[in-house]
Structure formats: C-alpha cells, structure tokens
Amino acid sequence: MLLIRPLRPDDAAAYRALRLEALQQHPTAYVTAYEEDAALTAEQLHKRLTPSEEALTFGALDGDRLVGIGTLVRPERIRLSFRAMIVGMYVTASHRRTGLASRLVKTCIDRARSLTGVEEVCLCVTVGNDAARRTYLACGFLPEYVELRYFKYEGRYYDIEWLRLPLV
C-alpha cells in the first residue's frame, strides 16, 4: 500500500534523488533546470522540506521508496494569500497510471482547504503535457489561460497553461 505523507528534512536525500530524476527525464515539464536543483546545498534542501504555513511537500512512499512528490505553496504576500499553488509534481514511471498523481494532487488540495483564507488552488502545466493536464482536469481544475513563451529550453520556447480550482 502506498503512503502519502508530508516530507521532512530527514527525507532530503530521497527527495533530492527523485526531484533530480524528474528534472533530468522531463526537462520541459518544469521551469527549474536540473543544474539549479543539483546545486542546492543540504541546508537549502532541509529548508525546502521543513513544513510551514507557506509550503508543504508531500511524498508518496511505496514501502521505504519515495515514488512521488508534490508541493503546495501559499504566497506570503497578504494580497495573494487567498490562493495556493501546486508545484513540482512528479511520479516515477513505475507508478504512473495507478491514480497516484491524482492522490497527490488531492492531498495538496486537502491541505489548501485546511489553510484559513485559501479560496483557490492554481497550477500550471506545459502545453503538450497531456497526461498531466488530464490528471488535473479529472481532479476538478478548470482551464484559465495559456501563457505563451513562458520558458526557454535548448533554444525552444514553451507555453504553459494555467488551471484553477475554486474552493469556495
């Protein structure tokens, strides 16, 4: 049975390995470059995995093996605090098409619902990443708009689509 739980600083090594796998194998699914996260120090990783009101990373574990990750981030700015964002979603190839990604998304949504004042959850997906988009739509997200030329990788521009899930 797969367990989804908040990750902690002592999960940093497993998180780092899975995050780097995601960035290396699917570079156009993320704005972050592999080199950026590969350069993070242990202290930076520990800070990223320290639960707070502003950010919480969830991990899906198959036994002791981390096989999926997703982070819910809430802006610190007062005028943006009505919104939370899901970022950094990834599920290993061996655990895709099992519903795990949907479970991770729903866990992030449940966390957002528990935060006072959060009215919506947003996320973005690279245009063309149809499997991820289908997962988000199945979880209730609604298409908002496409942002053209959002990032550039190996000389090519990529568009992203923003999706939103109203909570109220």
N, C-alpha and C. Protein backbone atom coordinates (compact mmCIF):
# COMPACT_ATOMS: atom_id res chain seq x y z
N MET A 1 0.84 -1.19 0.00
CA MET A 1 0.00 0.00 0.00
C MET A 1 0.88 1.25 0.00
N LEU A 2 0.51 2.18 -0.83
CA LEU A 2 1.25 3.43 -0.91
C LEU A 2 0.81 4.39 0.18
N LEU A 3 1.76 5.04 0.78
CA LEU A 3 1.51 6.00 1.84
C LEU A 3 1.88 7.39 1.34
N ILE A 4 1.00 8.36 1.53
CA ILE A 4 1.32 9.74 1.22
C ILE A 4 1.41 10.49 2.53
N ARG A 5 2.53 11.18 2.72
CA ARG A 5 2.74 11.93 3.96
C ARG A 5 3.59 13.16 3.68
N PRO A 6 3.53 14.14 4.59
CA PRO A 6 4.43 15.29 4.44
C PRO A 6 5.88 14.84 4.56
N LEU A 7 6.72 15.40 3.70
CA LEU A 7 8.15 15.10 3.80
C LEU A 7 8.77 16.01 4.85
N ARG A 8 9.87 15.54 5.42
CA ARG A 8 10.58 16.26 6.47
C ARG A 8 12.04 16.43 6.04
N PRO A 9 12.79 17.26 6.73
CA PRO A 9 14.19 17.44 6.37
C PRO A 9 14.99 16.13 6.30
N ASP A 10 14.63 15.13 7.11
CA ASP A 10 15.38 13.88 7.05
C ASP A 10 15.04 13.04 5.81
N ASP A 11 14.09 13.50 4.99
CA ASP A 11 13.79 12.86 3.71
C ASP A 11 14.56 13.50 2.56
N ALA A 12 15.46 14.42 2.87
CA ALA A 12 16.13 15.23 1.85
C ALA A 12 16.86 14.41 0.79
N ALA A 13 17.54 13.36 1.16
CA ALA A 13 18.31 12.58 0.18
C ALA A 13 17.37 11.91 -0.83
N ALA A 14 16.31 11.31 -0.35
CA ALA A 14 15.36 10.66 -1.25
C ALA A 14 14.64 11.69 -2.11
N TYR A 15 14.27 12.81 -1.52
CA TYR A 15 13.61 13.89 -2.26
C TYR A 15 14.53 14.41 -3.36
N ARG A 16 15.77 14.67 -3.02
CA ARG A 16 16.74 15.20 -3.99
C ARG A 16 16.88 14.25 -5.17
N ALA A 17 17.02 12.97 -4.90
CA ALA A 17 17.19 11.98 -5.98
C ALA A 17 15.96 11.96 -6.90
N LEU A 18 14.76 11.99 -6.32
CA LEU A 18 13.55 11.94 -7.13
C LEU A 18 13.34 13.24 -7.89
N ARG A 19 13.60 14.35 -7.26
CA ARG A 19 13.45 15.65 -7.92
C ARG A 19 14.42 15.76 -9.10
N LEU A 20 15.66 15.33 -8.91
CA LEU A 20 16.64 15.39 -10.00
C LEU A 20 16.26 14.44 -11.13
N GLU A 21 15.70 13.29 -10.79
CA GLU A 21 15.19 12.36 -11.81
C GLU A 21 14.12 13.06 -12.65
N ALA A 22 13.21 13.73 -11.99
CA ALA A 22 12.12 14.43 -12.69
C ALA A 22 12.68 15.49 -13.63
N LEU A 23 13.60 16.30 -13.13
CA LEU A 23 14.15 17.38 -13.94
C LEU A 23 15.00 16.87 -15.09
N GLN A 24 15.67 15.75 -14.90
CA GLN A 24 16.52 15.19 -15.95
C GLN A 24 15.70 14.48 -17.02
N GLN A 25 14.71 13.70 -16.60
CA GLN A 25 13.95 12.90 -17.56
C GLN A 25 12.83 13.68 -18.24
N HIS A 26 12.36 14.75 -17.61
CA HIS A 26 11.25 15.52 -18.17
C HIS A 26 11.56 17.02 -18.07
N PRO A 27 12.61 17.47 -18.73
CA PRO A 27 13.05 18.86 -18.57
C PRO A 27 12.04 19.90 -19.03
N THR A 28 11.15 19.55 -19.95
CA THR A 28 10.19 20.54 -20.43
C THR A 28 8.91 20.58 -19.58
N ALA A 29 8.85 19.76 -18.56
CA ALA A 29 7.70 19.78 -17.66
C ALA A 29 7.91 20.75 -16.49
N TYR A 30 9.11 21.30 -16.39
CA TYR A 30 9.44 22.16 -15.25
C TYR A 30 10.17 23.41 -15.71
N VAL A 31 9.96 24.49 -15.01
CA VAL A 31 10.69 25.73 -15.28
C VAL A 31 12.09 25.64 -14.67
N THR A 32 12.21 24.92 -13.58
CA THR A 32 13.51 24.75 -12.91
C THR A 32 14.42 23.87 -13.75
N ALA A 33 15.66 24.28 -13.91
CA ALA A 33 16.65 23.48 -14.63
C ALA A 33 17.29 22.48 -13.67
N TYR A 34 17.67 21.34 -14.22
CA TYR A 34 18.35 20.29 -13.45
C TYR A 34 19.53 20.89 -12.68
N GLU A 35 20.32 21.71 -13.36
CA GLU A 35 21.53 22.28 -12.75
C GLU A 35 21.21 23.14 -11.53
N GLU A 36 20.05 23.78 -11.54
CA GLU A 36 19.67 24.63 -10.40
C GLU A 36 19.44 23.79 -9.15
N ASP A 37 18.65 22.73 -9.28
CA ASP A 37 18.38 21.91 -8.10
C ASP A 37 19.57 21.04 -7.73
N ALA A 38 20.37 20.65 -8.70
CA ALA A 38 21.58 19.85 -8.40
C ALA A 38 22.55 20.66 -7.55
N ALA A 39 22.49 21.97 -7.66
CA ALA A 39 23.41 22.84 -6.92
C ALA A 39 22.91 23.19 -5.52
N LEU A 40 21.71 22.77 -5.15
CA LEU A 40 21.19 23.10 -3.82
C LEU A 40 22.03 22.45 -2.73
N THR A 41 22.26 23.18 -1.68
CA THR A 41 23.01 22.65 -0.54
C THR A 41 22.08 21.83 0.34
N ALA A 42 22.67 21.06 1.23
CA ALA A 42 21.88 20.29 2.19
C ALA A 42 21.00 21.22 3.02
N GLU A 43 21.54 22.37 3.40
CA GLU A 43 20.78 23.33 4.19
C GLU A 43 19.57 23.86 3.41
N GLN A 44 19.76 24.14 2.13
CA GLN A 44 18.64 24.61 1.30
C GLN A 44 17.56 23.53 1.14
N LEU A 45 17.99 22.30 0.97
CA LEU A 45 17.02 21.19 0.86
C LEU A 45 16.27 21.00 2.17
N HIS A 46 16.97 21.08 3.28
CA HIS A 46 16.32 20.93 4.59
C HIS A 46 15.28 22.03 4.78
N LYS A 47 15.62 23.26 4.38
CA LYS A 47 14.68 24.37 4.49
C LYS A 47 13.46 24.13 3.61
N ARG A 48 13.68 23.63 2.40
CA ARG A 48 12.57 23.36 1.48
C ARG A 48 11.62 22.31 2.06
N LEU A 49 12.16 21.36 2.81
CA LEU A 49 11.35 20.27 3.34
C LEU A 49 10.89 20.49 4.79
N THR A 50 11.13 21.67 5.31
CA THR A 50 10.63 21.99 6.65
C THR A 50 9.20 22.50 6.50
N PRO A 51 8.22 21.76 7.02
CA PRO A 51 6.82 22.16 6.86
C PRO A 51 6.54 23.54 7.45
N SER A 52 5.73 24.32 6.73
CA SER A 52 5.34 25.64 7.20
C SER A 52 3.96 25.97 6.65
N GLU A 53 3.41 27.10 7.07
CA GLU A 53 2.13 27.57 6.53
C GLU A 53 2.29 27.97 5.06
N GLU A 54 3.50 28.31 4.64
CA GLU A 54 3.73 28.77 3.28
C GLU A 54 4.05 27.63 2.31
N ALA A 55 4.53 26.51 2.78
CA ALA A 55 4.90 25.42 1.87
C ALA A 55 4.93 24.09 2.60
N LEU A 56 4.42 23.08 1.90
CA LEU A 56 4.47 21.72 2.43
C LEU A 56 4.60 20.76 1.25
N THR A 57 5.65 19.94 1.29
CA THR A 57 5.88 18.96 0.24
C THR A 57 5.41 17.60 0.73
N PHE A 58 4.61 16.95 -0.11
CA PHE A 58 4.12 15.61 0.19
C PHE A 58 4.90 14.60 -0.62
N GLY A 59 5.12 13.44 -0.01
CA GLY A 59 5.79 12.35 -0.70
C GLY A 59 4.91 11.12 -0.70
N ALA A 60 4.97 10.38 -1.78
CA ALA A 60 4.28 9.09 -1.88
C ALA A 60 5.35 8.02 -1.73
N LEU A 61 5.14 7.15 -0.75
CA LEU A 61 6.13 6.11 -0.48
C LEU A 61 5.54 4.73 -0.75
N ASP A 62 6.32 3.94 -1.46
CA ASP A 62 5.99 2.53 -1.69
C ASP A 62 6.98 1.77 -0.81
N GLY A 63 6.54 1.41 0.38
CA GLY A 63 7.47 0.89 1.37
C GLY A 63 8.38 2.02 1.80
N ASP A 64 9.68 1.84 1.65
CA ASP A 64 10.65 2.88 2.01
C ASP A 64 11.06 3.73 0.81
N ARG A 65 10.54 3.41 -0.37
CA ARG A 65 10.96 4.09 -1.60
C ARG A 65 10.04 5.25 -1.94
N LEU A 66 10.62 6.44 -2.09
CA LEU A 66 9.87 7.61 -2.49
C LEU A 66 9.59 7.52 -3.99
N VAL A 67 8.29 7.54 -4.37
CA VAL A 67 7.92 7.33 -5.77
C VAL A 67 7.10 8.48 -6.34
N GLY A 68 6.79 9.46 -5.52
CA GLY A 68 6.03 10.61 -6.00
C GLY A 68 6.18 11.79 -5.06
N ILE A 69 6.10 13.00 -5.65
CA ILE A 69 6.22 14.22 -4.85
C ILE A 69 5.28 15.29 -5.41
N GLY A 70 4.89 16.18 -4.55
CA GLY A 70 4.09 17.35 -4.92
C GLY A 70 4.13 18.34 -3.78
N THR A 71 4.19 19.62 -4.12
CA THR A 71 4.32 20.66 -3.10
C THR A 71 3.17 21.65 -3.21
N LEU A 72 2.62 22.04 -2.08
CA LEU A 72 1.63 23.11 -2.03
C LEU A 72 2.33 24.34 -1.45
N VAL A 73 2.25 25.44 -2.19
CA VAL A 73 2.89 26.69 -1.79
C VAL A 73 1.82 27.76 -1.66
N ARG A 74 1.91 28.52 -0.58
CA ARG A 74 1.00 29.65 -0.38
C ARG A 74 1.84 30.92 -0.31
N PRO A 75 1.53 31.88 -1.17
CA PRO A 75 2.31 33.13 -1.17
C PRO A 75 2.26 33.81 0.20
N GLU A 76 3.38 34.42 0.56
CA GLU A 76 3.45 35.13 1.84
C GLU A 76 2.78 36.50 1.76
N ARG A 77 2.71 37.06 0.58
CA ARG A 77 2.10 38.39 0.41
C ARG A 77 0.61 38.34 0.77
N ILE A 78 0.18 39.29 1.57
CA ILE A 78 -1.20 39.33 2.06
C ILE A 78 -2.20 39.32 0.92
N ARG A 79 -1.94 40.08 -0.11
CA ARG A 79 -2.90 40.22 -1.20
C ARG A 79 -2.99 38.99 -2.09
N LEU A 80 -2.06 38.07 -1.93
CA LEU A 80 -2.09 36.83 -2.70
C LEU A 80 -2.43 35.62 -1.84
N SER A 81 -2.64 35.84 -0.56
CA SER A 81 -2.80 34.71 0.37
C SER A 81 -4.12 33.96 0.21
N PHE A 82 -5.01 34.43 -0.65
CA PHE A 82 -6.25 33.70 -0.92
C PHE A 82 -6.02 32.52 -1.85
N ARG A 83 -4.82 32.41 -2.38
CA ARG A 83 -4.50 31.39 -3.38
C ARG A 83 -3.35 30.51 -2.88
N ALA A 84 -3.42 29.25 -3.24
CA ALA A 84 -2.29 28.33 -3.04
C ALA A 84 -1.97 27.72 -4.40
N MET A 85 -0.73 27.27 -4.55
CA MET A 85 -0.31 26.68 -5.82
C MET A 85 0.31 25.31 -5.61
N ILE A 86 0.02 24.42 -6.53
CA ILE A 86 0.67 23.10 -6.53
C ILE A 86 1.82 23.18 -7.52
N VAL A 87 2.99 22.79 -7.05
CA VAL A 87 4.20 22.84 -7.89
C VAL A 87 5.00 21.54 -7.72
N GLY A 88 5.88 21.29 -8.67
CA GLY A 88 6.84 20.20 -8.53
C GLY A 88 6.26 18.80 -8.51
N MET A 89 5.13 18.61 -9.16
CA MET A 89 4.51 17.27 -9.18
C MET A 89 5.37 16.30 -10.00
N TYR A 90 5.52 15.09 -9.46
CA TYR A 90 6.23 14.05 -10.21
C TYR A 90 5.91 12.68 -9.62
N VAL A 91 5.69 11.73 -10.50
CA VAL A 91 5.51 10.32 -10.12
C VAL A 91 6.43 9.49 -11.00
N THR A 92 7.15 8.56 -10.38
CA THR A 92 8.06 7.71 -11.15
C THR A 92 7.30 6.90 -12.20
N ALA A 93 8.00 6.54 -13.26
CA ALA A 93 7.38 5.81 -14.36
C ALA A 93 6.71 4.52 -13.87
N SER A 94 7.32 3.86 -12.90
CA SER A 94 6.79 2.58 -12.42
C SER A 94 5.45 2.73 -11.69
N HIS A 95 5.10 3.94 -11.29
CA HIS A 95 3.87 4.15 -10.52
C HIS A 95 2.86 5.05 -11.24
N ARG A 96 3.11 5.31 -12.51
CA ARG A 96 2.14 6.08 -13.30
C ARG A 96 0.97 5.20 -13.69
N ARG A 97 -0.14 5.84 -14.01
CA ARG A 97 -1.37 5.16 -14.42
C ARG A 97 -1.94 4.28 -13.30
N THR A 98 -1.64 4.67 -12.07
CA THR A 98 -2.17 3.94 -10.90
C THR A 98 -3.10 4.81 -10.07
N GLY A 99 -3.25 6.08 -10.45
CA GLY A 99 -4.04 7.02 -9.66
C GLY A 99 -3.22 7.76 -8.62
N LEU A 100 -1.93 7.48 -8.56
CA LEU A 100 -1.09 8.10 -7.53
C LEU A 100 -0.98 9.62 -7.72
N ALA A 101 -0.84 10.06 -8.96
CA ALA A 101 -0.75 11.51 -9.19
C ALA A 101 -2.01 12.21 -8.70
N SER A 102 -3.16 11.62 -8.98
CA SER A 102 -4.42 12.20 -8.51
C SER A 102 -4.47 12.23 -6.98
N ARG A 103 -3.98 11.18 -6.36
CA ARG A 103 -3.96 11.16 -4.88
C ARG A 103 -3.06 12.25 -4.33
N LEU A 104 -1.91 12.47 -4.97
CA LEU A 104 -1.00 13.54 -4.52
C LEU A 104 -1.66 14.90 -4.69
N VAL A 105 -2.29 15.12 -5.85
CA VAL A 105 -2.98 16.39 -6.10
C VAL A 105 -4.07 16.60 -5.06
N LYS A 106 -4.86 15.58 -4.80
CA LYS A 106 -5.96 15.70 -3.83
C LYS A 106 -5.43 15.94 -2.42
N THR A 107 -4.28 15.38 -2.10
CA THR A 107 -3.67 15.64 -0.80
C THR A 107 -3.28 17.10 -0.68
N CYS A 108 -2.72 17.65 -1.75
CA CYS A 108 -2.37 19.08 -1.76
C CYS A 108 -3.63 19.94 -1.64
N ILE A 109 -4.69 19.55 -2.33
CA ILE A 109 -5.95 20.30 -2.26
C ILE A 109 -6.50 20.25 -0.83
N ASP A 110 -6.47 19.09 -0.21
CA ASP A 110 -6.95 18.96 1.18
C ASP A 110 -6.15 19.87 2.10
N ARG A 111 -4.86 19.94 1.89
CA ARG A 111 -4.01 20.83 2.70
C ARG A 111 -4.44 22.28 2.48
N ALA A 112 -4.70 22.66 1.22
CA ALA A 112 -5.12 24.03 0.92
C ALA A 112 -6.43 24.35 1.64
N ARG A 113 -7.35 23.40 1.64
CA ARG A 113 -8.65 23.60 2.31
C ARG A 113 -8.47 23.82 3.82
N SER A 114 -7.41 23.27 4.38
CA SER A 114 -7.19 23.40 5.83
C SER A 114 -6.57 24.75 6.21
N LEU A 115 -6.12 25.51 5.22
CA LEU A 115 -5.46 26.79 5.49
C LEU A 115 -6.51 27.91 5.48
N THR A 116 -6.56 28.67 6.55
CA THR A 116 -7.53 29.76 6.67
C THR A 116 -7.34 30.77 5.55
N GLY A 117 -8.45 31.08 4.88
CA GLY A 117 -8.43 32.12 3.88
C GLY A 117 -8.10 31.68 2.46
N VAL A 118 -7.72 30.43 2.26
CA VAL A 118 -7.41 29.97 0.90
C VAL A 118 -8.72 29.70 0.16
N GLU A 119 -8.90 30.38 -0.96
CA GLU A 119 -10.13 30.29 -1.73
C GLU A 119 -9.97 29.51 -3.03
N GLU A 120 -8.73 29.32 -3.48
CA GLU A 120 -8.50 28.61 -4.74
C GLU A 120 -7.11 28.02 -4.77
N VAL A 121 -6.98 26.99 -5.61
CA VAL A 121 -5.68 26.36 -5.84
C VAL A 121 -5.39 26.50 -7.33
N CYS A 122 -4.19 26.90 -7.65
CA CYS A 122 -3.78 27.07 -9.04
C CYS A 122 -2.58 26.17 -9.32
N LEU A 123 -2.37 25.90 -10.58
CA LEU A 123 -1.17 25.20 -11.03
C LEU A 123 -1.00 25.49 -12.51
N CYS A 124 0.15 25.13 -13.03
CA CYS A 124 0.36 25.28 -14.47
C CYS A 124 0.94 23.99 -15.01
N VAL A 125 0.71 23.78 -16.31
CA VAL A 125 1.20 22.60 -16.99
C VAL A 125 1.74 23.03 -18.35
N THR A 126 2.85 22.45 -18.74
CA THR A 126 3.41 22.76 -20.05
C THR A 126 2.45 22.30 -21.13
N VAL A 127 2.16 23.19 -22.07
CA VAL A 127 1.27 22.84 -23.17
C VAL A 127 1.89 21.65 -23.91
N GLY A 128 1.10 20.61 -24.10
CA GLY A 128 1.58 19.37 -24.72
C GLY A 128 1.76 18.24 -23.73
N ASN A 129 1.79 18.55 -22.44
CA ASN A 129 1.90 17.52 -21.41
C ASN A 129 0.47 17.04 -21.11
N ASP A 130 -0.08 16.29 -22.04
CA ASP A 130 -1.50 15.92 -21.99
C ASP A 130 -1.85 15.00 -20.82
N ALA A 131 -0.94 14.11 -20.45
CA ALA A 131 -1.24 13.20 -19.34
C ALA A 131 -1.41 13.98 -18.04
N ALA A 132 -0.51 14.91 -17.77
CA ALA A 132 -0.63 15.72 -16.55
C ALA A 132 -1.89 16.58 -16.61
N ARG A 133 -2.15 17.18 -17.77
CA ARG A 133 -3.34 18.02 -17.91
C ARG A 133 -4.61 17.21 -17.63
N ARG A 134 -4.69 16.00 -18.17
CA ARG A 134 -5.87 15.15 -17.92
C ARG A 134 -6.04 14.87 -16.42
N THR A 135 -4.94 14.61 -15.75
CA THR A 135 -5.00 14.36 -14.31
C THR A 135 -5.57 15.57 -13.58
N TYR A 136 -5.07 16.76 -13.91
CA TYR A 136 -5.53 17.97 -13.23
C TYR A 136 -7.00 18.25 -13.52
N LEU A 137 -7.42 18.06 -14.75
CA LEU A 137 -8.83 18.27 -15.10
C LEU A 137 -9.72 17.27 -14.35
N ALA A 138 -9.26 16.02 -14.24
CA ALA A 138 -10.03 15.00 -13.53
C ALA A 138 -10.14 15.32 -12.04
N CYS A 139 -9.20 16.09 -11.51
CA CYS A 139 -9.23 16.50 -10.10
C CYS A 139 -10.08 17.75 -9.90
N GLY A 140 -10.67 18.26 -10.97
CA GLY A 140 -11.57 19.40 -10.84
C GLY A 140 -11.02 20.74 -11.28
N PHE A 141 -9.77 20.80 -11.70
CA PHE A 141 -9.19 22.06 -12.14
C PHE A 141 -9.84 22.52 -13.44
N LEU A 142 -9.96 23.83 -13.58
CA LEU A 142 -10.56 24.44 -14.76
C LEU A 142 -9.49 25.21 -15.52
N PRO A 143 -9.49 25.09 -16.85
CA PRO A 143 -8.51 25.87 -17.64
C PRO A 143 -8.76 27.37 -17.47
N GLU A 144 -7.70 28.13 -17.32
CA GLU A 144 -7.80 29.58 -17.18
C GLU A 144 -7.28 30.28 -18.44
N TYR A 145 -6.00 30.10 -18.72
CA TYR A 145 -5.42 30.75 -19.89
C TYR A 145 -4.06 30.13 -20.19
N VAL A 146 -3.59 30.36 -21.41
CA VAL A 146 -2.27 29.90 -21.83
C VAL A 146 -1.32 31.10 -21.84
N GLU A 147 -0.18 30.92 -21.23
CA GLU A 147 0.85 31.95 -21.23
C GLU A 147 1.91 31.54 -22.24
N LEU A 148 2.02 32.31 -23.31
CA LEU A 148 2.93 31.98 -24.40
C LEU A 148 4.38 32.24 -24.02
N ARG A 149 5.26 31.43 -24.57
CA ARG A 149 6.70 31.61 -24.42
C ARG A 149 7.09 31.81 -22.95
N TYR A 150 6.61 30.95 -22.08
CA TYR A 150 6.84 31.11 -20.64
C TYR A 150 8.28 30.79 -20.25
N PHE A 151 8.84 29.75 -20.88
CA PHE A 151 10.24 29.45 -20.61
C PHE A 151 10.91 28.94 -21.88
N LYS A 152 12.24 28.93 -21.83
CA LYS A 152 13.03 28.53 -22.99
C LYS A 152 13.97 27.41 -22.58
N TYR A 153 13.99 26.36 -23.38
CA TYR A 153 14.85 25.21 -23.11
C TYR A 153 15.45 24.75 -24.44
N GLU A 154 16.76 24.67 -24.46
CA GLU A 154 17.50 24.23 -25.65
C GLU A 154 17.05 24.96 -26.91
N GLY A 155 16.91 26.27 -26.78
CA GLY A 155 16.61 27.11 -27.94
C GLY A 155 15.16 27.16 -28.36
N ARG A 156 14.29 26.47 -27.64
CA ARG A 156 12.86 26.46 -27.99
C ARG A 156 12.04 27.05 -26.86
N TYR A 157 11.03 27.81 -27.21
CA TYR A 157 10.12 28.38 -26.22
C TYR A 157 8.98 27.40 -25.93
N TYR A 158 8.53 27.40 -24.68
CA TYR A 158 7.43 26.55 -24.27
C TYR A 158 6.34 27.40 -23.63
N ASP A 159 5.10 27.05 -23.97
CA ASP A 159 3.93 27.72 -23.41
C ASP A 159 3.46 26.91 -22.20
N ILE A 160 2.83 27.60 -21.25
CA ILE A 160 2.22 26.90 -20.13
C ILE A 160 0.74 27.27 -20.07
N GLU A 161 -0.04 26.36 -19.53
CA GLU A 161 -1.45 26.61 -19.31
C GLU A 161 -1.71 26.67 -17.81
N TRP A 162 -2.38 27.74 -17.40
CA TRP A 162 -2.76 27.89 -16.01
C TRP A 162 -4.12 27.29 -15.78
N LEU A 163 -4.27 26.54 -14.70
CA LEU A 163 -5.54 25.93 -14.32
C LEU A 163 -5.85 26.36 -12.89
N ARG A 164 -7.14 26.42 -12.58
CA ARG A 164 -7.57 26.90 -11.27
C ARG A 164 -8.69 26.01 -10.74
N LEU A 165 -8.66 25.79 -9.43
CA LEU A 165 -9.70 25.05 -8.74
C LEU A 165 -10.28 25.92 -7.65
N PRO A 166 -11.51 26.43 -7.83
CA PRO A 166 -12.14 27.22 -6.76
C PRO A 166 -12.48 26.31 -5.57
N LEU A 167 -12.21 26.79 -4.38
CA LEU A 167 -12.53 26.02 -3.17
C LEU A 167 -13.78 26.55 -2.49
N VAL A 168 -14.21 27.76 -2.85
CA VAL A 168 -15.40 28.34 -2.22
C VAL A 168 -16.42 28.68 -3.29
